Amino acid sequence: MTAYQKAVELGLTGSDAEIVAVLQTLGNRDVPVLEVATWLRERGLLVVGFRGITGSLVAFYDQCSDAAIKAGLDEFFASVVGRQAATVRFTDPQIAGRVYSIATQLLPQVGGDAAMLESFYAMAGERPYAALTVEQFTAERDAATIEAARQVAYSEIVRRANEATSAAAAMLDSGATAEEITAAGFTGWQGAEATQ
């Protein structure tokens, strides 16, 4: 599916740049929270054990003074560790944007890099539109618009051809001559060409 088709499917609105920014955050599938919790535990980011909750995300949270980042971590923690969500919704444009924002802000703070971010998104089947540019999206939209116009024009030509064929058949049944039928068909095609 092209990025433009995905934007239409999701009902995304706004400028091309705004739509591209949303598409770049999407994953291919939603991920069960247990899978995300396992990913966090395996990397030492968030571990729930007998002594409580530990890991580099906890240490970062304790030292962080940014209320917005703490709120994002609280939401993420409630969803993943508190099991207040069944999945992390990488396919929902509104949720995916928040997840991406949290991930890109937090991973560097706990020693994560681009490879760790890609590993995180591998759970969601990658980010199919991660490298999408505004120019590519605009080209896809323009191509789709041209194709839609072609389909409309083709449908009109087919409709007129069917009308001309039906009219010719009726004329044939009424005893018209071949010349009269040909002239009527030619006139009908000229009308179809004029609408192209």
C-alpha atoms as a PDB file:
ATOM      1  CA  MET A   1       0.000   0.000   0.000  1.00  0.00           C
ATOM      2  CA  THR A   2       1.372   3.404  -0.910  1.00  0.00           C
ATOM      3  CA  ALA A   3       1.743   6.074   1.740  1.00  0.00           C
ATOM      4  CA  TYR A   4      -1.019   8.090   0.070  1.00  0.00           C
ATOM      5  CA  GLN A   5      -3.379   5.085   0.114  1.00  0.00           C
ATOM      6  CA  LYS A   6      -2.598   4.554   3.809  1.00  0.00           C
ATOM      7  CA  ALA A   7      -3.306   8.219   4.556  1.00  0.00           C
ATOM      8  CA  VAL A   8      -6.676   7.933   2.786  1.00  0.00           C
ATOM      9  CA  GLU A   9      -7.473   4.678   4.606  1.00  0.00           C
ATOM     10  CA  LEU A  10      -6.728   6.315   7.974  1.00  0.00           C
ATOM     11  CA  GLY A  11      -8.560   9.533   7.075  1.00  0.00           C
ATOM     12  CA  LEU A  12      -5.491  11.669   7.743  1.00  0.00           C
ATOM     13  CA  THR A  13      -5.889  15.367   7.075  1.00  0.00           C
ATOM     14  CA  GLY A  14      -3.597  18.378   7.131  1.00  0.00           C
ATOM     15  CA  SER A  15      -0.688  19.522   5.029  1.00  0.00           C
ATOM     16  CA  ASP A  16       1.455  16.972   3.228  1.00  0.00           C
ATOM     17  CA  ALA A  17       4.201  17.600   5.793  1.00  0.00           C
ATOM     18  CA  GLU A  18       1.801  16.943   8.684  1.00  0.00           C
ATOM     19  CA  ILE A  19       0.503  13.743   7.093  1.00  0.00           C
ATOM     20  CA  VAL A  20       4.033  12.500   6.373  1.00  0.00           C
ATOM     21  CA  ALA A  21       5.046  13.193   9.992  1.00  0.00           C
ATOM     22  CA  VAL A  22       2.165  10.987  11.184  1.00  0.00           C
ATOM     23  CA  LEU A  23       2.867   8.201   8.679  1.00  0.00           C
ATOM     24  CA  GLN A  24       6.524   8.079   9.715  1.00  0.00           C
ATOM     25  CA  THR A  25       5.507   7.050  13.259  1.00  0.00           C
ATOM     26  CA  LEU A  26       3.311   4.099  12.266  1.00  0.00           C
ATOM     27  CA  GLY A  27       4.232   0.458  12.675  1.00  0.00           C
ATOM     28  CA  ASN A  28       2.791  -2.453  10.708  1.00  0.00           C
ATOM     29  CA  ARG A  29       1.032  -4.046  13.667  1.00  0.00           C
ATOM     30  CA  ASP A  30       0.000  -3.435  17.240  1.00  0.00           C
ATOM     31  CA  VAL A  31       2.152  -5.243  19.804  1.00  0.00           C
ATOM     32  CA  PRO A  32       0.898  -7.087  22.906  1.00  0.00           C
ATOM     33  CA  VAL A  33       2.099  -5.331  26.071  1.00  0.00           C
ATOM     34  CA  LEU A  34       3.722  -8.543  27.293  1.00  0.00           C
ATOM     35  CA  GLU A  35       5.970  -8.496  24.217  1.00  0.00           C
ATOM     36  CA  VAL A  36       6.929  -4.874  24.908  1.00  0.00           C
ATOM     37  CA  ALA A  37       7.552  -5.647  28.597  1.00  0.00           C
ATOM     38  CA  THR A  38       9.829  -8.530  27.580  1.00  0.00           C
ATOM     39  CA  TRP A  39      11.748  -6.259  25.195  1.00  0.00           C
ATOM     40  CA  LEU A  40      12.243  -3.697  28.000  1.00  0.00           C
ATOM     41  CA  ARG A  41      13.323  -6.367  30.501  1.00  0.00           C
ATOM     42  CA  GLU A  42      15.799  -8.001  28.114  1.00  0.00           C
ATOM     43  CA  ARG A  43      17.564  -4.661  27.657  1.00  0.00           C
ATOM     44  CA  GLY A  44      17.574  -3.773  31.352  1.00  0.00           C
ATOM     45  CA  LEU A  45      15.351  -0.775  30.755  1.00  0.00           C
ATOM     46  CA  LEU A  46      12.473  -1.808  33.015  1.00  0.00           C
ATOM     47  CA  VAL A  47      12.595  -4.869  35.237  1.00  0.00           C
ATOM     48  CA  VAL A  48       9.866  -5.864  37.674  1.00  0.00           C
ATOM     49  CA  GLY A  49      11.315  -8.069  40.411  1.00  0.00           C
ATOM     50  CA  PHE A  50      11.079  -8.960  44.095  1.00  0.00           C
ATOM     51  CA  ARG A  51      12.796  -5.727  45.096  1.00  0.00           C
ATOM     52  CA  GLY A  52      10.454  -3.594  43.042  1.00  0.00           C
ATOM     53  CA  ILE A  53      10.884  -1.978  39.677  1.00  0.00           C
ATOM     54  CA  THR A  54      14.406  -1.283  38.489  1.00  0.00           C
ATOM     55  CA  GLY A  55      16.192  -0.472  35.258  1.00  0.00           C
ATOM     56  CA  SER A  56      17.638   2.481  33.434  1.00  0.00           C
ATOM     57  CA  LEU A  57      14.181   3.932  32.683  1.00  0.00           C
ATOM     58  CA  VAL A  58      13.433   4.019  36.420  1.00  0.00           C
ATOM     59  CA  ALA A  59      16.747   5.753  37.129  1.00  0.00           C
ATOM     60  CA  PHE A  60      16.063   8.268  34.376  1.00  0.00           C
ATOM     61  CA  TYR A  61      12.526   8.881  35.667  1.00  0.00           C
ATOM     62  CA  ASP A  62      13.798   9.563  39.182  1.00  0.00           C
ATOM     63  CA  GLN A  63      16.281  12.168  37.902  1.00  0.00           C
ATOM     64  CA  CYS A  64      14.011  13.754  35.289  1.00  0.00           C
ATOM     65  CA  SER A  65      12.551  17.183  36.007  1.00  0.00           C
ATOM     66  CA  ASP A  66      10.579  17.525  32.745  1.00  0.00           C
ATOM     67  CA  ALA A  67       6.892  17.073  33.611  1.00  0.00           C
ATOM     68  CA  ALA A  68       5.915  16.207  30.019  1.00  0.00           C
ATOM     69  CA  ILE A  69       8.515  13.446  29.776  1.00  0.00           C
ATOM     70  CA  LYS A  70       7.463  12.078  33.178  1.00  0.00           C
ATOM     71  CA  ALA A  71       3.814  12.114  32.060  1.00  0.00           C
ATOM     72  CA  GLY A  72       4.755  10.178  28.926  1.00  0.00           C
ATOM     73  CA  LEU A  73       6.662   7.636  31.005  1.00  0.00           C
ATOM     74  CA  ASP A  74       3.734   7.325  33.422  1.00  0.00           C
ATOM     75  CA  GLU A  75       1.382   6.615  30.522  1.00  0.00           C
ATOM     76  CA  PHE A  76       3.802   4.099  29.027  1.00  0.00           C
ATOM     77  CA  PHE A  77       4.351   2.411  32.399  1.00  0.00           C
ATOM     78  CA  ALA A  78       0.603   2.193  33.090  1.00  0.00           C
ATOM     79  CA  SER A  79       0.024   0.625  29.677  1.00  0.00           C
ATOM     80  CA  VAL A  80       2.906  -1.844  29.670  1.00  0.00           C
ATOM     81  CA  VAL A  81       3.652  -2.742  33.284  1.00  0.00           C
ATOM     82  CA  GLY A  82       0.267  -1.854  34.780  1.00  0.00           C
ATOM     83  CA  ARG A  83      -1.438  -3.771  31.952  1.00  0.00           C
ATOM     84  CA  GLN A  84      -3.964  -0.967  31.486  1.00  0.00           C
ATOM     85  CA  ALA A  85      -3.759  -1.675  27.772  1.00  0.00           C
ATOM     86  CA  ALA A  86      -3.783  -4.958  25.884  1.00  0.00           C
ATOM     87  CA  THR A  87      -1.495  -3.698  23.133  1.00  0.00           C
ATOM     88  CA  VAL A  88       0.782  -0.836  22.277  1.00  0.00           C
ATOM     89  CA  ARG A  89      -1.039   0.571  19.252  1.00  0.00           C
ATOM     90  CA  PHE A  90       1.610   1.247  16.649  1.00  0.00           C
ATOM     91  CA  THR A  91      -1.067   1.369  13.919  1.00  0.00           C
ATOM     92  CA  ASP A  92      -3.291   4.049  15.471  1.00  0.00           C
ATOM     93  CA  PRO A  93      -2.100   7.460  14.201  1.00  0.00           C
ATOM     94  CA  GLN A  94      -2.784   9.262  17.481  1.00  0.00           C
ATOM     95  CA  ILE A  95      -1.254   6.616  19.749  1.00  0.00           C
ATOM     96  CA  ALA A  96       1.648   5.805  17.390  1.00  0.00           C
ATOM     97  CA  GLY A  97       2.721   9.435  17.434  1.00  0.00           C
ATOM     98  CA  ARG A  98       2.830   9.461  21.241  1.00  0.00           C
ATOM     99  CA  VAL A  99       4.717   6.150  21.345  1.00  0.00           C
ATOM    100  CA  TYR A 100       7.240   7.454  18.820  1.00  0.00           C
ATOM    101  CA  SER A 101       7.696  10.676  20.753  1.00  0.00           C
ATOM    102  CA  ILE A 102       8.264   8.806  24.016  1.00  0.00           C
ATOM    103  CA  ALA A 103      10.665   6.339  22.404  1.00  0.00           C
ATOM    104  CA  THR A 104      12.734   8.952  20.571  1.00  0.00           C
ATOM    105  CA  GLN A 105      12.970  11.165  23.647  1.00  0.00           C
ATOM    106  CA  LEU A 106      13.720   8.421  26.162  1.00  0.00           C
ATOM    107  CA  LEU A 107      15.978   5.924  24.452  1.00  0.00           C
ATOM    108  CA  PRO A 108      18.890   8.366  24.053  1.00  0.00           C
ATOM    109  CA  GLN A 109      18.554   9.240  27.764  1.00  0.00           C
ATOM    110  CA  VAL A 110      19.155   5.610  28.763  1.00  0.00           C
ATOM    111  CA  GLY A 111      21.991   4.845  26.375  1.00  0.00           C
ATOM    112  CA  GLY A 112      19.819   3.824  23.442  1.00  0.00           C
ATOM    113  CA  ASP A 113      20.734   4.591  19.851  1.00  0.00           C
ATOM    114  CA  ALA A 114      19.183   4.334  16.393  1.00  0.00           C
ATOM    115  CA  ALA A 115      19.710   0.554  16.415  1.00  0.00           C
ATOM    116  CA  MET A 116      17.755   0.250  19.663  1.00  0.00           C
ATOM    117  CA  LEU A 117      14.942   2.368  18.223  1.00  0.00           C
ATOM    118  CA  GLU A 118      14.798   0.109  15.163  1.00  0.00           C
ATOM    119  CA  SER A 119      14.832  -2.938  17.449  1.00  0.00           C
ATOM    120  CA  PHE A 120      11.871  -1.445  19.316  1.00  0.00           C
ATOM    121  CA  TYR A 121       9.981  -0.923  16.062  1.00  0.00           C
ATOM    122  CA  ALA A 122      10.912  -4.390  14.801  1.00  0.00           C
ATOM    123  CA  MET A 123       8.284  -5.683  17.242  1.00  0.00           C
ATOM    124  CA  ALA A 124       5.705  -3.713  15.246  1.00  0.00           C
ATOM    125  CA  GLY A 125       6.912  -5.095  11.931  1.00  0.00           C
ATOM    126  CA  GLU A 126       9.084  -2.028  11.291  1.00  0.00           C
ATOM    127  CA  ARG A 127       7.944   1.461  10.309  1.00  0.00           C
ATOM    128  CA  PRO A 128       6.968   1.132   6.634  1.00  0.00           C
ATOM    129  CA  TYR A 129       6.934   4.876   6.052  1.00  0.00           C
ATOM    130  CA  ALA A 130       9.941   5.846   8.208  1.00  0.00           C
ATOM    131  CA  ALA A 131      11.940   7.160   5.230  1.00  0.00           C
ATOM    132  CA  LEU A 132       8.972   8.775   3.473  1.00  0.00           C
ATOM    133  CA  THR A 133       9.562  12.323   2.264  1.00  0.00           C
ATOM    134  CA  VAL A 134       7.003  15.029   1.589  1.00  0.00           C
ATOM    135  CA  GLU A 135       8.048  14.984  -2.074  1.00  0.00           C
ATOM    136  CA  GLN A 136       7.387  11.232  -2.352  1.00  0.00           C
ATOM    137  CA  PHE A 137       3.997  11.584  -0.680  1.00  0.00           C
ATOM    138  CA  THR A 138       3.038  14.487  -2.956  1.00  0.00           C
ATOM    139  CA  ALA A 139       4.063  12.472  -6.033  1.00  0.00           C
ATOM    140  CA  GLU A 140       1.969   9.492  -4.843  1.00  0.00           C
ATOM    141  CA  ARG A 141      -1.041  11.761  -4.224  1.00  0.00           C
ATOM    142  CA  ASP A 142      -0.669  13.417  -7.632  1.00  0.00           C
ATOM    143  CA  ALA A 143      -0.361  10.039  -9.382  1.00  0.00           C
ATOM    144  CA  ALA A 144      -3.475   8.775  -7.568  1.00  0.00           C
ATOM    145  CA  THR A 145      -5.398  11.922  -8.537  1.00  0.00           C
ATOM    146  CA  ILE A 146      -4.412  11.508 -12.196  1.00  0.00           C
ATOM    147  CA  GLU A 147      -5.356   7.818 -12.129  1.00  0.00           C
ATOM    148  CA  ALA A 148      -8.738   8.640 -10.576  1.00  0.00           C
ATOM    149  CA  ALA A 149      -9.369  11.215 -13.318  1.00  0.00           C
ATOM    150  CA  ARG A 150      -8.426   8.642 -15.962  1.00  0.00           C
ATOM    151  CA  GLN A 151     -10.857   6.149 -14.450  1.00  0.00           C
ATOM    152  CA  VAL A 152     -13.660   8.721 -14.504  1.00  0.00           C
ATOM    153  CA  ALA A 153     -12.915   9.591 -18.149  1.00  0.00           C
ATOM    154  CA  TYR A 154     -12.705   5.914 -19.117  1.00  0.00           C
ATOM    155  CA  SER A 155     -16.007   5.164 -17.375  1.00  0.00           C
ATOM    156  CA  GLU A 156     -17.661   8.006 -19.281  1.00  0.00           C
ATOM    157  CA  ILE A 157     -16.297   6.742 -22.598  1.00  0.00           C
ATOM    158  CA  VAL A 158     -17.523   3.218 -21.838  1.00  0.00           C
ATOM    159  CA  ARG A 159     -20.940   4.595 -20.825  1.00  0.00           C
ATOM    160  CA  ARG A 160     -21.250   6.554 -24.073  1.00  0.00           C
ATOM    161  CA  ALA A 161     -20.065   3.581 -26.129  1.00  0.00           C
ATOM    162  CA  ASN A 162     -22.686   1.389 -24.465  1.00  0.00           C
ATOM    163  CA  GLU A 163     -25.361   3.994 -25.180  1.00  0.00           C
ATOM    164  CA  ALA A 164     -24.265   4.221 -28.838  1.00  0.00           C
ATOM    165  CA  THR A 165     -24.259   0.418 -29.157  1.00  0.00           C
ATOM    166  CA  SER A 166     -27.727   0.187 -27.620  1.00  0.00           C
ATOM    167  CA  ALA A 167     -28.989   2.942 -29.910  1.00  0.00           C
ATOM    168  CA  ALA A 168     -27.479   1.186 -32.946  1.00  0.00           C
ATOM    169  CA  ALA A 169     -29.098  -2.100 -31.946  1.00  0.00           C
ATOM    170  CA  ALA A 170     -32.468  -0.358 -31.564  1.00  0.00           C
ATOM    171  CA  MET A 171     -32.017   1.260 -34.979  1.00  0.00           C
ATOM    172  CA  LEU A 172     -31.149  -2.089 -36.483  1.00  0.00           C
ATOM    173  CA  ASP A 173     -34.306  -3.588 -34.998  1.00  0.00           C
ATOM    174  CA  SER A 174     -36.357  -0.702 -36.441  1.00  0.00           C
ATOM    175  CA  GLY A 175     -35.081  -1.381 -39.982  1.00  0.00           C
ATOM    176  CA  ALA A 176     -32.568   1.488 -40.326  1.00  0.00           C
ATOM    177  CA  THR A 177     -29.957   1.178 -43.043  1.00  0.00           C
ATOM    178  CA  ALA A 178     -26.306   0.424 -42.344  1.00  0.00           C
ATOM    179  CA  GLU A 179     -25.402   3.981 -43.381  1.00  0.00           C
ATOM    180  CA  GLU A 180     -27.879   5.472 -40.881  1.00  0.00           C
ATOM    181  CA  ILE A 181     -26.601   3.257 -38.081  1.00  0.00           C
ATOM    182  CA  THR A 182     -22.966   4.088 -38.924  1.00  0.00           C
ATOM    183  CA  ALA A 183     -23.715   7.821 -39.010  1.00  0.00           C
ATOM    184  CA  ALA A 184     -25.521   7.644 -35.652  1.00  0.00           C
ATOM    185  CA  GLY A 185     -22.614   5.675 -34.113  1.00  0.00           C
ATOM    186  CA  PHE A 186     -20.069   8.142 -35.514  1.00  0.00           C
ATOM    187  CA  THR A 187     -22.025  11.062 -34.047  1.00  0.00           C
ATOM    188  CA  GLY A 188     -22.172   9.286 -30.668  1.00  0.00           C
ATOM    189  CA  TRP A 189     -18.382   8.717 -30.680  1.00  0.00           C
ATOM    190  CA  GLN A 190     -17.725  12.338 -31.590  1.00  0.00           C
ATOM    191  CA  GLY A 191     -19.765  13.321 -28.536  1.00  0.00           C
ATOM    192  CA  ALA A 192     -17.710  10.937 -26.390  1.00  0.00           C
ATOM    193  CA  GLU A 193     -14.435  12.370 -27.714  1.00  0.00           C
ATOM    194  CA  ALA A 194     -15.602  15.897 -26.986  1.00  0.00           C
ATOM    195  CA  THR A 195     -15.956  15.038 -23.275  1.00  0.00           C
ATOM    196  CA  GLN A 196     -12.387  13.753 -22.901  1.00  0.00           C
END
